[in-house]
Amino acid sequence: MKVTTEDIKKLRDLTGVGIGDAKNALQEAPSFDEAVTLLRKKGHAKLEKKATRSAKEGIITSYIHAGGKVGVLLELNCETDFVARNDDFKLLANEIALHIAAASPLYVSREEVPENAIDNEKNIYREQVKDKPEHMQEQILTGKLEKYYEQVCLLEQGYVREPEKKIKDLIAETVGKLGENIQVRRFSRFVLGAE
């Protein structure tokens, strides 16, 4: 693929990466879309490398939705106060809070789902697949459990603005831009009149 300055600018605007990273991705990938995918994968790789680093700085942000009937408080952490003050970091926090208001996740990640909730779901799914051939039951059960995680775990959910992109992908993109570990520590979602 021939790399033009317009392509580099377009890729930088879309992903927020530096000139060198954008140019290299365009040279490596056979198409523009695949260059975007390549940069997303690199963002995930950076996220995995940085995941062990301490993220004790960050912000608590709020979001009020639907005429004051739904509200969210979110703690999003990073490694330094410099990044916590960065506009891209603040935008990420706002987008995640908006997503929580719209999508109603129950947990941040699948590791937070209580074992009894998983066992309960497995029992329901086993009952649903009991008439299927035995060799297929475990595969179906695994697939249904994955769908459950996508419904209740924030990081596994499709982002409300771009459903093909998961929240963990959105975070990985920002990690790629800012170069720091970013973690959703916790959130609370409030609905007027709900108990």
N, C-alpha and C. Protein backbone atom coordinates (compact mmCIF):
# COMPACT_ATOMS: atom_id res chain seq x y z
N MET A 1 0.85 -1.18 0.00
CA MET A 1 0.00 0.00 0.00
C MET A 1 0.89 1.24 0.00
N LYS A 2 0.60 2.16 -0.92
CA LYS A 2 1.35 3.40 -0.98
C LYS A 2 0.88 4.32 0.15
N VAL A 3 1.82 4.84 0.91
CA VAL A 3 1.49 5.67 2.07
C VAL A 3 1.56 7.14 1.68
N THR A 4 0.45 7.84 1.91
CA THR A 4 0.40 9.28 1.63
C THR A 4 0.31 10.04 2.96
N THR A 5 0.63 11.31 2.91
CA THR A 5 0.53 12.12 4.13
C THR A 5 -0.93 12.26 4.56
N GLU A 6 -1.86 12.23 3.59
CA GLU A 6 -3.28 12.30 3.94
C GLU A 6 -3.69 11.06 4.72
N ASP A 7 -3.19 9.87 4.28
CA ASP A 7 -3.51 8.63 4.99
C ASP A 7 -2.94 8.66 6.40
N ILE A 8 -1.72 9.15 6.55
CA ILE A 8 -1.09 9.23 7.87
C ILE A 8 -1.92 10.15 8.77
N LYS A 9 -2.30 11.30 8.25
CA LYS A 9 -3.11 12.25 9.03
C LYS A 9 -4.45 11.63 9.42
N LYS A 10 -5.11 10.98 8.46
CA LYS A 10 -6.40 10.35 8.72
C LYS A 10 -6.29 9.27 9.80
N LEU A 11 -5.23 8.45 9.71
CA LEU A 11 -5.02 7.38 10.69
C LEU A 11 -4.70 7.96 12.06
N ARG A 12 -3.90 9.03 12.10
CA ARG A 12 -3.58 9.68 13.37
C ARG A 12 -4.84 10.26 14.01
N ASP A 13 -5.68 10.92 13.19
CA ASP A 13 -6.92 11.51 13.71
C ASP A 13 -7.85 10.43 14.26
N LEU A 14 -7.86 9.29 13.60
CA LEU A 14 -8.75 8.20 13.99
C LEU A 14 -8.27 7.46 15.24
N THR A 15 -6.95 7.30 15.37
CA THR A 15 -6.42 6.47 16.45
C THR A 15 -5.65 7.24 17.52
N GLY A 16 -5.17 8.44 17.19
CA GLY A 16 -4.42 9.22 18.16
C GLY A 16 -2.96 8.82 18.31
N VAL A 17 -2.44 7.96 17.44
CA VAL A 17 -1.05 7.54 17.54
C VAL A 17 -0.13 8.59 16.92
N GLY A 18 1.16 8.44 17.15
CA GLY A 18 2.15 9.34 16.59
C GLY A 18 2.34 9.12 15.10
N ILE A 19 3.06 10.06 14.46
CA ILE A 19 3.30 9.98 13.02
C ILE A 19 4.03 8.69 12.65
N GLY A 20 5.07 8.38 13.39
CA GLY A 20 5.86 7.18 13.09
C GLY A 20 5.05 5.90 13.18
N ASP A 21 4.24 5.78 14.24
CA ASP A 21 3.40 4.59 14.41
C ASP A 21 2.37 4.49 13.29
N ALA A 22 1.77 5.62 12.92
CA ALA A 22 0.78 5.62 11.84
C ALA A 22 1.43 5.21 10.51
N LYS A 23 2.58 5.77 10.22
CA LYS A 23 3.29 5.46 8.97
C LYS A 23 3.68 3.98 8.93
N ASN A 24 4.22 3.46 10.03
CA ASN A 24 4.63 2.05 10.09
C ASN A 24 3.44 1.12 9.91
N ALA A 25 2.31 1.44 10.55
CA ALA A 25 1.11 0.61 10.42
C ALA A 25 0.62 0.59 8.98
N LEU A 26 0.64 1.74 8.33
CA LEU A 26 0.20 1.81 6.93
C LEU A 26 1.14 1.05 6.01
N GLN A 27 2.43 1.05 6.33
CA GLN A 27 3.40 0.30 5.52
C GLN A 27 3.28 -1.21 5.74
N GLU A 28 2.97 -1.61 6.96
CA GLU A 28 2.85 -3.04 7.29
C GLU A 28 1.56 -3.65 6.79
N ALA A 29 0.47 -2.89 6.85
CA ALA A 29 -0.85 -3.44 6.53
C ALA A 29 -1.16 -3.28 5.04
N PRO A 30 -1.90 -4.24 4.47
CA PRO A 30 -2.25 -4.15 3.06
C PRO A 30 -3.37 -3.14 2.75
N SER A 31 -4.12 -2.70 3.78
CA SER A 31 -5.18 -1.72 3.56
C SER A 31 -5.28 -0.78 4.76
N PHE A 32 -6.00 0.32 4.57
CA PHE A 32 -6.17 1.30 5.64
C PHE A 32 -6.89 0.67 6.84
N ASP A 33 -7.97 -0.07 6.58
CA ASP A 33 -8.74 -0.71 7.67
C ASP A 33 -7.88 -1.69 8.46
N GLU A 34 -7.02 -2.40 7.76
CA GLU A 34 -6.14 -3.35 8.46
C GLU A 34 -5.06 -2.62 9.26
N ALA A 35 -4.69 -1.42 8.83
CA ALA A 35 -3.75 -0.60 9.61
C ALA A 35 -4.40 -0.19 10.93
N VAL A 36 -5.70 0.16 10.87
CA VAL A 36 -6.45 0.51 12.10
C VAL A 36 -6.48 -0.70 13.03
N THR A 37 -6.79 -1.88 12.47
CA THR A 37 -6.83 -3.11 13.26
C THR A 37 -5.47 -3.41 13.88
N LEU A 38 -4.42 -3.24 13.11
CA LEU A 38 -3.05 -3.48 13.60
C LEU A 38 -2.75 -2.57 14.79
N LEU A 39 -3.12 -1.30 14.69
CA LEU A 39 -2.87 -0.38 15.80
C LEU A 39 -3.70 -0.74 17.02
N ARG A 40 -4.91 -1.24 16.81
CA ARG A 40 -5.73 -1.69 17.95
C ARG A 40 -5.06 -2.86 18.66
N LYS A 41 -4.54 -3.80 17.85
CA LYS A 41 -3.86 -4.96 18.44
C LYS A 41 -2.63 -4.51 19.23
N LYS A 42 -1.89 -3.54 18.69
CA LYS A 42 -0.72 -3.03 19.40
C LYS A 42 -1.13 -2.35 20.70
N GLY A 43 -2.29 -1.67 20.68
CA GLY A 43 -2.82 -1.06 21.91
C GLY A 43 -3.10 -2.12 22.96
N HIS A 44 -3.67 -3.27 22.54
CA HIS A 44 -3.92 -4.37 23.48
C HIS A 44 -2.61 -4.94 24.00
N ALA A 45 -1.60 -5.04 23.14
CA ALA A 45 -0.31 -5.56 23.58
C ALA A 45 0.30 -4.62 24.62
N LYS A 46 0.20 -3.31 24.38
CA LYS A 46 0.71 -2.35 25.35
C LYS A 46 -0.06 -2.47 26.66
N LEU A 47 -1.37 -2.65 26.55
CA LEU A 47 -2.21 -2.78 27.74
C LEU A 47 -1.77 -3.99 28.57
N GLU A 48 -1.50 -5.12 27.91
CA GLU A 48 -1.07 -6.32 28.62
C GLU A 48 0.28 -6.10 29.30
N LYS A 49 1.20 -5.43 28.62
CA LYS A 49 2.52 -5.17 29.21
C LYS A 49 2.41 -4.24 30.42
N LYS A 50 1.52 -3.28 30.33
CA LYS A 50 1.41 -2.27 31.39
C LYS A 50 0.46 -2.68 32.51
N ALA A 51 -0.28 -3.77 32.32
CA ALA A 51 -1.32 -4.16 33.27
C ALA A 51 -0.78 -4.43 34.67
N THR A 52 0.48 -4.81 34.78
CA THR A 52 1.05 -5.10 36.09
C THR A 52 1.54 -3.84 36.80
N ARG A 53 1.64 -2.73 36.07
CA ARG A 53 2.11 -1.49 36.68
C ARG A 53 1.00 -0.88 37.53
N SER A 54 1.40 -0.25 38.61
CA SER A 54 0.47 0.33 39.56
C SER A 54 -0.27 1.52 38.95
N ALA A 55 -1.58 1.53 39.12
CA ALA A 55 -2.43 2.62 38.63
C ALA A 55 -3.18 3.20 39.82
N LYS A 56 -2.55 4.15 40.51
CA LYS A 56 -3.15 4.71 41.73
C LYS A 56 -3.59 6.16 41.56
N GLU A 57 -3.34 6.73 40.41
CA GLU A 57 -3.83 8.08 40.12
C GLU A 57 -5.09 7.93 39.29
N GLY A 58 -5.70 9.03 38.91
CA GLY A 58 -6.88 8.96 38.07
C GLY A 58 -7.92 9.97 38.46
N ILE A 59 -9.16 9.67 38.08
CA ILE A 59 -10.25 10.59 38.38
C ILE A 59 -11.50 9.82 38.77
N ILE A 60 -12.36 10.52 39.47
CA ILE A 60 -13.73 10.06 39.68
C ILE A 60 -14.59 11.00 38.87
N THR A 61 -15.38 10.42 37.99
CA THR A 61 -16.22 11.24 37.14
C THR A 61 -17.68 10.84 37.33
N SER A 62 -18.57 11.75 36.98
CA SER A 62 -19.99 11.45 37.09
C SER A 62 -20.66 11.69 35.76
N TYR A 63 -21.77 11.04 35.56
CA TYR A 63 -22.56 11.22 34.35
C TYR A 63 -24.03 11.11 34.73
N ILE A 64 -24.82 12.07 34.30
CA ILE A 64 -26.26 12.07 34.56
C ILE A 64 -26.96 11.94 33.21
N HIS A 65 -27.89 11.00 33.12
CA HIS A 65 -28.53 10.66 31.85
C HIS A 65 -30.05 10.68 31.99
N ALA A 66 -30.72 10.76 30.88
CA ALA A 66 -32.18 10.61 30.80
C ALA A 66 -32.92 11.59 31.71
N GLY A 67 -32.61 12.86 31.56
CA GLY A 67 -33.34 13.86 32.32
C GLY A 67 -33.19 13.75 33.83
N GLY A 68 -32.02 13.29 34.27
CA GLY A 68 -31.77 13.19 35.70
C GLY A 68 -32.31 11.93 36.34
N LYS A 69 -32.68 10.94 35.55
CA LYS A 69 -33.25 9.70 36.11
C LYS A 69 -32.21 8.59 36.28
N VAL A 70 -31.06 8.70 35.62
CA VAL A 70 -29.99 7.71 35.73
C VAL A 70 -28.68 8.46 35.95
N GLY A 71 -27.89 7.98 36.91
CA GLY A 71 -26.60 8.60 37.18
C GLY A 71 -25.53 7.55 37.40
N VAL A 72 -24.29 7.94 37.10
CA VAL A 72 -23.15 7.02 37.25
C VAL A 72 -22.00 7.75 37.92
N LEU A 73 -21.35 7.07 38.85
CA LEU A 73 -20.06 7.50 39.40
C LEU A 73 -19.04 6.45 38.98
N LEU A 74 -17.91 6.90 38.46
CA LEU A 74 -16.89 6.00 37.94
C LEU A 74 -15.52 6.42 38.45
N GLU A 75 -14.75 5.43 38.92
CA GLU A 75 -13.34 5.67 39.26
C GLU A 75 -12.50 5.02 38.18
N LEU A 76 -11.77 5.85 37.43
CA LEU A 76 -10.87 5.38 36.37
C LEU A 76 -9.45 5.73 36.79
N ASN A 77 -8.59 4.73 36.85
CA ASN A 77 -7.23 4.93 37.33
C ASN A 77 -6.19 4.86 36.23
N CYS A 78 -5.10 5.59 36.46
CA CYS A 78 -3.93 5.58 35.58
C CYS A 78 -2.70 5.64 36.47
N GLU A 79 -1.52 5.76 35.87
CA GLU A 79 -0.29 5.71 36.65
C GLU A 79 0.16 7.07 37.18
N THR A 80 -0.12 8.15 36.46
CA THR A 80 0.38 9.47 36.88
C THR A 80 -0.72 10.52 36.87
N ASP A 81 -0.55 11.55 37.69
CA ASP A 81 -1.53 12.63 37.69
C ASP A 81 -1.46 13.43 36.40
N PHE A 82 -0.33 13.40 35.70
CA PHE A 82 -0.19 14.07 34.41
C PHE A 82 -1.21 13.49 33.42
N VAL A 83 -1.30 12.17 33.34
CA VAL A 83 -2.27 11.53 32.45
C VAL A 83 -3.68 11.74 32.96
N ALA A 84 -3.88 11.75 34.27
CA ALA A 84 -5.21 11.96 34.84
C ALA A 84 -5.80 13.31 34.42
N ARG A 85 -4.94 14.27 34.16
CA ARG A 85 -5.39 15.60 33.73
C ARG A 85 -5.51 15.72 32.21
N ASN A 86 -5.10 14.67 31.49
CA ASN A 86 -5.10 14.68 30.03
C ASN A 86 -6.54 14.62 29.48
N ASP A 87 -6.82 15.39 28.44
CA ASP A 87 -8.16 15.43 27.86
C ASP A 87 -8.60 14.08 27.31
N ASP A 88 -7.68 13.30 26.72
CA ASP A 88 -8.04 11.98 26.20
C ASP A 88 -8.47 11.05 27.33
N PHE A 89 -7.78 11.13 28.46
CA PHE A 89 -8.14 10.31 29.61
C PHE A 89 -9.51 10.71 30.15
N LYS A 90 -9.75 12.01 30.27
CA LYS A 90 -11.05 12.50 30.75
C LYS A 90 -12.17 12.10 29.79
N LEU A 91 -11.90 12.18 28.50
CA LEU A 91 -12.90 11.78 27.51
C LEU A 91 -13.22 10.29 27.64
N LEU A 92 -12.19 9.47 27.84
CA LEU A 92 -12.40 8.04 28.05
C LEU A 92 -13.30 7.81 29.27
N ALA A 93 -13.00 8.49 30.36
CA ALA A 93 -13.80 8.35 31.58
C ALA A 93 -15.26 8.72 31.32
N ASN A 94 -15.49 9.82 30.62
CA ASN A 94 -16.85 10.25 30.31
C ASN A 94 -17.57 9.24 29.42
N GLU A 95 -16.85 8.70 28.43
CA GLU A 95 -17.47 7.73 27.51
C GLU A 95 -17.82 6.43 28.25
N ILE A 96 -16.96 6.00 29.15
CA ILE A 96 -17.25 4.79 29.91
C ILE A 96 -18.44 5.02 30.84
N ALA A 97 -18.50 6.19 31.48
CA ALA A 97 -19.63 6.50 32.37
C ALA A 97 -20.94 6.56 31.58
N LEU A 98 -20.91 7.16 30.40
CA LEU A 98 -22.09 7.20 29.54
C LEU A 98 -22.51 5.77 29.17
N HIS A 99 -21.55 4.94 28.84
CA HIS A 99 -21.84 3.55 28.49
C HIS A 99 -22.49 2.81 29.66
N ILE A 100 -21.96 3.01 30.85
CA ILE A 100 -22.52 2.36 32.04
C ILE A 100 -23.98 2.78 32.24
N ALA A 101 -24.26 4.06 32.05
CA ALA A 101 -25.63 4.54 32.19
C ALA A 101 -26.55 3.85 31.19
N ALA A 102 -26.08 3.65 29.97
CA ALA A 102 -26.91 3.08 28.91
C ALA A 102 -27.00 1.55 28.98
N ALA A 103 -25.90 0.88 29.33
CA ALA A 103 -25.82 -0.58 29.20
C ALA A 103 -26.01 -1.35 30.50
N SER A 104 -26.01 -0.71 31.62
CA SER A 104 -26.28 -1.33 32.93
C SER A 104 -25.42 -2.55 33.27
N PRO A 105 -24.10 -2.47 33.15
CA PRO A 105 -23.30 -3.63 33.57
C PRO A 105 -23.40 -3.81 35.09
N LEU A 106 -23.13 -5.04 35.53
CA LEU A 106 -23.18 -5.32 36.97
C LEU A 106 -21.79 -5.39 37.59
N TYR A 107 -20.80 -5.76 36.78
CA TYR A 107 -19.43 -5.96 37.26
C TYR A 107 -18.45 -5.30 36.30
N VAL A 108 -17.25 -5.01 36.79
CA VAL A 108 -16.22 -4.45 35.92
C VAL A 108 -15.71 -5.53 34.97
N SER A 109 -15.33 -6.69 35.52
CA SER A 109 -14.74 -7.75 34.70
C SER A 109 -15.30 -9.10 35.10
N ARG A 110 -15.00 -10.11 34.29
CA ARG A 110 -15.50 -11.45 34.58
C ARG A 110 -14.91 -12.01 35.88
N GLU A 111 -13.75 -11.52 36.28
CA GLU A 111 -13.14 -11.98 37.53
C GLU A 111 -13.95 -11.55 38.75
N GLU A 112 -14.77 -10.51 38.61
CA GLU A 112 -15.58 -10.01 39.73
C GLU A 112 -16.93 -10.73 39.87
N VAL A 113 -17.33 -11.49 38.86
CA VAL A 113 -18.62 -12.17 38.92
C VAL A 113 -18.55 -13.24 40.01
N PRO A 114 -19.46 -13.20 40.99
CA PRO A 114 -19.43 -14.18 42.08
C PRO A 114 -19.61 -15.61 41.56
N GLU A 115 -18.94 -16.53 42.19
CA GLU A 115 -18.99 -17.94 41.78
C GLU A 115 -20.42 -18.48 41.81
N ASN A 116 -21.21 -18.05 42.79
CA ASN A 116 -22.59 -18.54 42.86
C ASN A 116 -23.44 -18.03 41.70
N ALA A 117 -23.16 -16.84 41.19
CA ALA A 117 -23.88 -16.33 40.01
C ALA A 117 -23.53 -17.15 38.77
N ILE A 118 -22.25 -17.51 38.64
CA ILE A 118 -21.82 -18.34 37.51
C ILE A 118 -22.46 -19.73 37.60
N ASP A 119 -22.44 -20.31 38.81
CA ASP A 119 -23.05 -21.64 39.00
C ASP A 119 -24.54 -21.60 38.68
N ASN A 120 -25.22 -20.54 39.09
CA ASN A 120 -26.64 -20.40 38.81
C ASN A 120 -26.89 -20.34 37.30
N GLU A 121 -26.09 -19.54 36.59
CA GLU A 121 -26.23 -19.45 35.13
C GLU A 121 -25.97 -20.80 34.48
N LYS A 122 -24.92 -21.50 34.92
CA LYS A 122 -24.61 -22.82 34.36
C LYS A 122 -25.75 -23.79 34.55
N ASN A 123 -26.39 -23.75 35.72
CA ASN A 123 -27.53 -24.64 35.98
C ASN A 123 -28.69 -24.34 35.04
N ILE A 124 -28.95 -23.07 34.81
CA ILE A 124 -30.01 -22.67 33.87
C ILE A 124 -29.68 -23.17 32.47
N TYR A 125 -28.42 -22.97 32.04
CA TYR A 125 -28.02 -23.37 30.69
C TYR A 125 -28.03 -24.90 30.54
N ARG A 126 -27.63 -25.60 31.57
CA ARG A 126 -27.66 -27.07 31.51
C ARG A 126 -29.09 -27.57 31.30
N GLU A 127 -30.02 -26.92 31.97
CA GLU A 127 -31.43 -27.29 31.82
C GLU A 127 -31.90 -27.00 30.38
N GLN A 128 -31.42 -25.89 29.82
CA GLN A 128 -31.82 -25.51 28.46
C GLN A 128 -31.26 -26.46 27.39
N VAL A 129 -30.08 -27.05 27.65
CA VAL A 129 -29.42 -27.87 26.62
C VAL A 129 -29.51 -29.37 26.89
N LYS A 130 -30.28 -29.76 27.87
CA LYS A 130 -30.30 -31.18 28.26
C LYS A 130 -30.79 -32.10 27.14
N ASP A 131 -31.59 -31.57 26.20
CA ASP A 131 -32.09 -32.39 25.10
C ASP A 131 -31.13 -32.43 23.91
N LYS A 132 -30.07 -31.65 23.96
CA LYS A 132 -29.08 -31.63 22.87
C LYS A 132 -28.15 -32.83 22.99
N PRO A 133 -27.49 -33.20 21.88
CA PRO A 133 -26.51 -34.29 21.96
C PRO A 133 -25.44 -33.97 23.00
N GLU A 134 -25.03 -34.99 23.73
CA GLU A 134 -24.11 -34.79 24.85
C GLU A 134 -22.80 -34.12 24.44
N HIS A 135 -22.27 -34.48 23.26
CA HIS A 135 -20.99 -33.91 22.82
C HIS A 135 -21.10 -32.42 22.50
N MET A 136 -22.32 -31.91 22.32
CA MET A 136 -22.51 -30.49 22.01
C MET A 136 -22.84 -29.66 23.25
N GLN A 137 -23.28 -30.31 24.31
CA GLN A 137 -23.76 -29.58 25.49
C GLN A 137 -22.69 -28.65 26.09
N GLU A 138 -21.47 -29.14 26.22
CA GLU A 138 -20.42 -28.33 26.84
C GLU A 138 -20.08 -27.11 25.98
N GLN A 139 -20.04 -27.30 24.66
CA GLN A 139 -19.77 -26.18 23.76
C GLN A 139 -20.87 -25.12 23.86
N ILE A 140 -22.10 -25.56 23.87
CA ILE A 140 -23.23 -24.63 23.97
C ILE A 140 -23.19 -23.91 25.31
N LEU A 141 -22.90 -24.64 26.37
CA LEU A 141 -22.81 -24.06 27.71
C LEU A 141 -21.73 -22.98 27.75
N THR A 142 -20.56 -23.28 27.17
CA THR A 142 -19.46 -22.30 27.12
C THR A 142 -19.87 -21.06 26.35
N GLY A 143 -20.53 -21.23 25.21
CA GLY A 143 -20.99 -20.10 24.41
C GLY A 143 -22.00 -19.24 25.15
N LYS A 144 -22.93 -19.89 25.84
CA LYS A 144 -23.94 -19.15 26.60
C LYS A 144 -23.31 -18.38 27.76
N LEU A 145 -22.30 -18.98 28.39
CA LEU A 145 -21.61 -18.30 29.50
C LEU A 145 -20.85 -17.07 28.98
N GLU A 146 -20.24 -17.18 27.80
CA GLU A 146 -19.56 -16.03 27.19
C GLU A 146 -20.56 -14.90 26.94
N LYS A 147 -21.74 -15.24 26.44
CA LYS A 147 -22.78 -14.23 26.20
C LYS A 147 -23.20 -13.57 27.51
N TYR A 148 -23.27 -14.37 28.58
CA TYR A 148 -23.61 -13.83 29.90
C TYR A 148 -22.58 -12.78 30.33
N TYR A 149 -21.28 -13.12 30.16
CA TYR A 149 -20.23 -12.17 30.50
C TYR A 149 -20.36 -10.89 29.68
N GLU A 150 -20.71 -11.01 28.41
CA GLU A 150 -20.87 -9.83 27.56
C GLU A 150 -22.04 -8.97 28.01
N GLN A 151 -23.01 -9.56 28.68
CA GLN A 151 -24.16 -8.79 29.17
C GLN A 151 -23.86 -8.09 30.49
N VAL A 152 -23.13 -8.75 31.40
CA VAL A 152 -23.02 -8.22 32.77
C VAL A 152 -21.66 -7.60 33.11
N CYS A 153 -20.63 -7.83 32.30
CA CYS A 153 -19.29 -7.33 32.60
C CYS A 153 -18.95 -6.13 31.72
N LEU A 154 -18.67 -5.01 32.33
CA LEU A 154 -18.38 -3.77 31.62
C LEU A 154 -17.33 -3.96 30.53
N LEU A 155 -16.19 -4.56 30.88
CA LEU A 155 -15.08 -4.67 29.92
C LEU A 155 -15.43 -5.56 28.73
N GLU A 156 -16.39 -6.46 28.88
CA GLU A 156 -16.77 -7.39 27.82
C GLU A 156 -17.90 -6.84 26.94
N GLN A 157 -18.57 -5.78 27.38
CA GLN A 157 -19.71 -5.25 26.64
C GLN A 157 -19.28 -4.51 25.39
N GLY A 158 -20.14 -4.57 24.37
CA GLY A 158 -19.93 -3.76 23.17
C GLY A 158 -20.22 -2.31 23.51
N TYR A 159 -19.32 -1.43 23.11
CA TYR A 159 -19.41 0.00 23.38
C TYR A 159 -20.69 0.54 22.72
N VAL A 160 -21.51 1.30 23.45
CA VAL A 160 -22.81 1.73 22.94
C VAL A 160 -22.70 2.57 21.66
N ARG A 161 -21.64 3.31 21.49
CA ARG A 161 -21.49 4.12 20.28
C ARG A 161 -20.97 3.31 19.09
N GLU A 162 -20.20 2.26 19.36
CA GLU A 162 -19.66 1.37 18.33
C GLU A 162 -19.75 -0.06 18.84
N PRO A 163 -20.90 -0.72 18.69
CA PRO A 163 -21.12 -2.04 19.31
C PRO A 163 -20.11 -3.12 18.92
N GLU A 164 -19.46 -2.98 17.76
CA GLU A 164 -18.46 -3.99 17.39
C GLU A 164 -17.17 -3.85 18.20
N LYS A 165 -17.02 -2.76 18.91
CA LYS A 165 -15.84 -2.50 19.74
C LYS A 165 -16.22 -2.69 21.20
N LYS A 166 -15.46 -3.50 21.92
CA LYS A 166 -15.73 -3.71 23.34
C LYS A 166 -15.12 -2.58 24.17
N ILE A 167 -15.60 -2.43 25.39
CA ILE A 167 -15.06 -1.39 26.28
C ILE A 167 -13.57 -1.63 26.53
N LYS A 168 -13.15 -2.89 26.65
CA LYS A 168 -11.72 -3.15 26.84
C LYS A 168 -10.92 -2.69 25.62
N ASP A 169 -11.51 -2.72 24.41
CA ASP A 169 -10.84 -2.21 23.22
C ASP A 169 -10.70 -0.69 23.29
N LEU A 170 -11.75 -0.04 23.77
CA LEU A 170 -11.73 1.42 23.91
C LEU A 170 -10.62 1.83 24.88
N ILE A 171 -10.49 1.10 25.98
CA ILE A 171 -9.43 1.38 26.96
C ILE A 171 -8.06 1.12 26.33
N ALA A 172 -7.93 0.01 25.59
CA ALA A 172 -6.65 -0.33 24.95
C ALA A 172 -6.21 0.75 23.97
N GLU A 173 -7.15 1.34 23.25
CA GLU A 173 -6.81 2.42 22.32
C GLU A 173 -6.22 3.61 23.08
N THR A 174 -6.82 3.94 24.21
CA THR A 174 -6.32 5.08 25.00
C THR A 174 -4.97 4.75 25.63
N VAL A 175 -4.78 3.51 26.06
CA VAL A 175 -3.47 3.08 26.56
C VAL A 175 -2.43 3.26 25.47
N GLY A 176 -2.78 2.90 24.24
CA GLY A 176 -1.87 3.06 23.11
C GLY A 176 -1.50 4.52 22.88
N LYS A 177 -2.46 5.42 23.07
CA LYS A 177 -2.21 6.85 22.88
C LYS A 177 -1.37 7.43 24.01
N LEU A 178 -1.73 7.07 25.26
CA LEU A 178 -1.13 7.74 26.43
C LEU A 178 0.06 6.99 27.01
N GLY A 179 0.18 5.69 26.71
CA GLY A 179 1.34 4.93 27.16
C GLY A 179 1.34 4.59 28.64
N GLU A 180 0.17 4.55 29.27
CA GLU A 180 0.10 4.19 30.68
C GLU A 180 -0.97 3.13 30.91
N ASN A 181 -0.81 2.39 32.01
CA ASN A 181 -1.82 1.44 32.42
C ASN A 181 -3.07 2.22 32.82
N ILE A 182 -4.23 1.81 32.31
CA ILE A 182 -5.50 2.43 32.65
C ILE A 182 -6.44 1.32 33.10
N GLN A 183 -7.09 1.53 34.24
CA GLN A 183 -7.99 0.51 34.78
C GLN A 183 -9.27 1.14 35.30
N VAL A 184 -10.38 0.47 35.02
CA VAL A 184 -11.64 0.84 35.67
C VAL A 184 -11.59 0.20 37.05
N ARG A 185 -11.54 1.01 38.08
CA ARG A 185 -11.45 0.48 39.44
C ARG A 185 -12.83 0.02 39.93
N ARG A 186 -13.83 0.92 39.78
CA ARG A 186 -15.18 0.59 40.24
C ARG A 186 -16.16 1.62 39.69
N PHE A 187 -17.43 1.27 39.79
CA PHE A 187 -18.48 2.19 39.36
C PHE A 187 -19.75 1.91 40.16
N SER A 188 -20.61 2.91 40.21
CA SER A 188 -21.95 2.76 40.78
C SER A 188 -22.93 3.40 39.81
N ARG A 189 -24.01 2.69 39.57
CA ARG A 189 -25.06 3.19 38.67
C ARG A 189 -26.31 3.37 39.51
N PHE A 190 -26.91 4.55 39.41
CA PHE A 190 -28.10 4.88 40.19
C PHE A 190 -29.27 5.12 39.24
N VAL A 191 -30.44 4.58 39.61
CA VAL A 191 -31.66 4.81 38.84
C VAL A 191 -32.69 5.38 39.80
N LEU A 192 -33.28 6.50 39.44
CA LEU A 192 -34.27 7.15 40.29
C LEU A 192 -35.41 6.21 40.61
N GLY A 193 -35.69 6.03 41.89
CA GLY A 193 -36.81 5.20 42.33
C GLY A 193 -36.50 3.72 42.43
N ALA A 194 -35.32 3.28 41.97
CA ALA A 194 -34.97 1.85 42.04
C ALA A 194 -34.40 1.54 43.40
N GLU A 195 -34.55 0.31 43.83
CA GLU A 195 -34.01 -0.10 45.12
C GLU A 195 -32.89 -1.08 44.94
